[in-house]
Amino acid sequence: MADKVRDPVCGMEVDPNTATEAVEYKGKTYHFCGPSCKEAFEKDPERYLPEESHGCCG
């Protein structure tokens, strides 16, 4: 059984093997609990990513 991952929008834990919604962004795949979280992420992905992934330097 694979480890669960966190939906970046709502924080829910999802199983990447059974999640029906996923998006690849900047070379990483993000899994979602459902279509509404996926749509929110697609509209503004940077809003839902950890702060350290936003910048280049520091």
N, C-alpha and C. Protein backbone atom coordinates (compact mmCIF):
# COMPACT_ATOMS: atom_id res chain seq x y z
N MET A 1 0.84 -1.18 0.00
CA MET A 1 0.00 0.00 0.00
C MET A 1 0.89 1.26 0.00
N ALA A 2 0.55 2.18 -0.86
CA ALA A 2 1.34 3.41 -0.98
C ALA A 2 0.99 4.37 0.14
N ASP A 3 1.96 5.22 0.47
CA ASP A 3 1.71 6.26 1.45
C ASP A 3 0.70 7.24 0.89
N LYS A 4 -0.10 7.80 1.77
CA LYS A 4 -1.05 8.81 1.35
C LYS A 4 -0.33 10.14 1.19
N VAL A 5 -0.90 10.99 0.36
CA VAL A 5 -0.36 12.33 0.14
C VAL A 5 -1.43 13.34 0.51
N ARG A 6 -1.01 14.58 0.72
CA ARG A 6 -1.94 15.63 1.14
C ARG A 6 -2.45 16.39 -0.07
N ASP A 7 -3.76 16.55 -0.15
CA ASP A 7 -4.37 17.42 -1.16
C ASP A 7 -3.91 18.84 -0.83
N PRO A 8 -3.22 19.51 -1.76
CA PRO A 8 -2.67 20.83 -1.44
C PRO A 8 -3.73 21.91 -1.22
N VAL A 9 -4.94 21.68 -1.63
CA VAL A 9 -6.00 22.68 -1.49
C VAL A 9 -6.70 22.56 -0.14
N CYS A 10 -7.22 21.38 0.17
CA CYS A 10 -8.02 21.23 1.40
C CYS A 10 -7.27 20.54 2.53
N GLY A 11 -6.13 19.91 2.22
CA GLY A 11 -5.33 19.26 3.24
C GLY A 11 -5.73 17.82 3.53
N MET A 12 -6.76 17.33 2.87
CA MET A 12 -7.21 15.95 3.08
C MET A 12 -6.15 14.97 2.59
N GLU A 13 -6.00 13.85 3.29
CA GLU A 13 -5.09 12.82 2.84
C GLU A 13 -5.77 11.99 1.76
N VAL A 14 -5.05 11.76 0.66
CA VAL A 14 -5.59 10.97 -0.44
C VAL A 14 -4.57 9.91 -0.84
N ASP A 15 -5.07 8.80 -1.31
CA ASP A 15 -4.22 7.72 -1.80
C ASP A 15 -3.94 7.98 -3.27
N PRO A 16 -2.68 8.20 -3.65
CA PRO A 16 -2.38 8.51 -5.05
C PRO A 16 -2.75 7.39 -6.02
N ASN A 17 -2.88 6.17 -5.52
CA ASN A 17 -3.24 5.05 -6.38
C ASN A 17 -4.73 5.03 -6.72
N THR A 18 -5.54 5.66 -5.89
CA THR A 18 -6.99 5.64 -6.13
C THR A 18 -7.58 7.02 -6.37
N ALA A 19 -6.79 8.07 -6.21
CA ALA A 19 -7.29 9.43 -6.44
C ALA A 19 -7.72 9.57 -7.89
N THR A 20 -8.89 10.16 -8.08
CA THR A 20 -9.41 10.32 -9.44
C THR A 20 -8.96 11.62 -10.09
N GLU A 21 -8.42 12.53 -9.29
CA GLU A 21 -8.01 13.84 -9.81
C GLU A 21 -6.52 14.06 -9.54
N ALA A 22 -5.79 14.47 -10.57
CA ALA A 22 -4.36 14.76 -10.42
C ALA A 22 -3.94 15.80 -11.45
N VAL A 23 -2.91 16.58 -11.10
CA VAL A 23 -2.37 17.59 -11.99
C VAL A 23 -0.85 17.54 -11.88
N GLU A 24 -0.17 17.64 -13.01
CA GLU A 24 1.28 17.77 -12.98
C GLU A 24 1.60 19.25 -13.09
N TYR A 25 2.43 19.73 -12.18
CA TYR A 25 2.80 21.14 -12.15
C TYR A 25 4.27 21.24 -11.78
N LYS A 26 5.04 21.90 -12.63
CA LYS A 26 6.48 22.07 -12.42
C LYS A 26 7.18 20.75 -12.13
N GLY A 27 6.80 19.72 -12.87
CA GLY A 27 7.46 18.42 -12.77
C GLY A 27 7.02 17.55 -11.61
N LYS A 28 6.03 17.98 -10.85
CA LYS A 28 5.54 17.19 -9.73
C LYS A 28 4.05 16.93 -9.91
N THR A 29 3.61 15.74 -9.53
CA THR A 29 2.20 15.40 -9.63
C THR A 29 1.52 15.64 -8.28
N TYR A 30 0.42 16.37 -8.32
CA TYR A 30 -0.38 16.65 -7.14
C TYR A 30 -1.71 15.91 -7.29
N HIS A 31 -2.14 15.27 -6.20
CA HIS A 31 -3.39 14.50 -6.20
C HIS A 31 -4.42 15.23 -5.35
N PHE A 32 -5.70 15.08 -5.76
CA PHE A 32 -6.78 15.83 -5.12
C PHE A 32 -7.91 14.91 -4.71
N CYS A 33 -8.67 15.36 -3.71
CA CYS A 33 -9.79 14.57 -3.20
C CYS A 33 -10.96 14.58 -4.18
N GLY A 34 -11.05 15.62 -5.00
CA GLY A 34 -12.15 15.71 -5.94
C GLY A 34 -11.96 16.83 -6.94
N PRO A 35 -12.90 16.96 -7.87
CA PRO A 35 -12.77 17.95 -8.94
C PRO A 35 -12.70 19.40 -8.48
N SER A 36 -13.41 19.76 -7.40
CA SER A 36 -13.40 21.16 -6.98
C SER A 36 -12.02 21.59 -6.48
N CYS A 37 -11.33 20.71 -5.77
CA CYS A 37 -9.97 21.04 -5.31
C CYS A 37 -9.01 21.10 -6.50
N LYS A 38 -9.17 20.21 -7.44
CA LYS A 38 -8.32 20.22 -8.63
C LYS A 38 -8.52 21.53 -9.40
N GLU A 39 -9.76 21.95 -9.58
CA GLU A 39 -10.04 23.19 -10.31
C GLU A 39 -9.47 24.41 -9.59
N ALA A 40 -9.59 24.44 -8.27
CA ALA A 40 -9.03 25.56 -7.50
C ALA A 40 -7.52 25.62 -7.68
N PHE A 41 -6.86 24.48 -7.64
CA PHE A 41 -5.41 24.42 -7.81
C PHE A 41 -5.01 24.90 -9.21
N GLU A 42 -5.73 24.45 -10.22
CA GLU A 42 -5.41 24.82 -11.60
C GLU A 42 -5.56 26.33 -11.84
N LYS A 43 -6.48 26.98 -11.14
CA LYS A 43 -6.67 28.42 -11.31
C LYS A 43 -5.51 29.22 -10.73
N ASP A 44 -4.92 28.75 -9.62
CA ASP A 44 -3.85 29.49 -8.96
C ASP A 44 -2.94 28.52 -8.19
N PRO A 45 -2.14 27.73 -8.88
CA PRO A 45 -1.32 26.71 -8.21
C PRO A 45 -0.39 27.26 -7.14
N GLU A 46 0.21 28.41 -7.38
CA GLU A 46 1.19 28.95 -6.44
C GLU A 46 0.57 29.26 -5.07
N ARG A 47 -0.71 29.55 -5.06
CA ARG A 47 -1.40 29.84 -3.80
C ARG A 47 -1.36 28.64 -2.85
N TYR A 48 -1.34 27.43 -3.40
CA TYR A 48 -1.47 26.22 -2.60
C TYR A 48 -0.15 25.50 -2.35
N LEU A 49 0.94 26.02 -2.89
CA LEU A 49 2.23 25.36 -2.71
C LEU A 49 2.94 25.92 -1.49
N PRO A 50 3.80 25.10 -0.87
CA PRO A 50 4.56 25.60 0.28
C PRO A 50 5.40 26.81 -0.09
N GLU A 51 5.61 27.69 0.84
CA GLU A 51 6.34 28.93 0.62
C GLU A 51 7.71 28.69 -0.01
N GLU A 52 8.41 27.63 0.42
CA GLU A 52 9.76 27.41 -0.08
C GLU A 52 9.80 27.05 -1.57
N SER A 53 8.69 26.65 -2.16
CA SER A 53 8.70 26.29 -3.57
C SER A 53 8.40 27.48 -4.47
N HIS A 54 8.12 28.66 -3.89
CA HIS A 54 7.74 29.82 -4.68
C HIS A 54 8.95 30.57 -5.25
N GLY A 55 9.97 30.73 -4.48
CA GLY A 55 11.08 31.59 -4.90
C GLY A 55 12.22 30.81 -5.52
N CYS A 56 13.25 31.56 -5.85
CA CYS A 56 14.41 30.91 -6.44
C CYS A 56 15.56 30.84 -5.44
N CYS A 57 15.71 31.90 -4.72
CA CYS A 57 16.95 32.03 -3.94
C CYS A 57 16.64 32.26 -2.46
N GLY A 58 17.64 32.01 -1.64
CA GLY A 58 17.40 32.39 -0.28
C GLY A 58 17.87 31.44 0.68
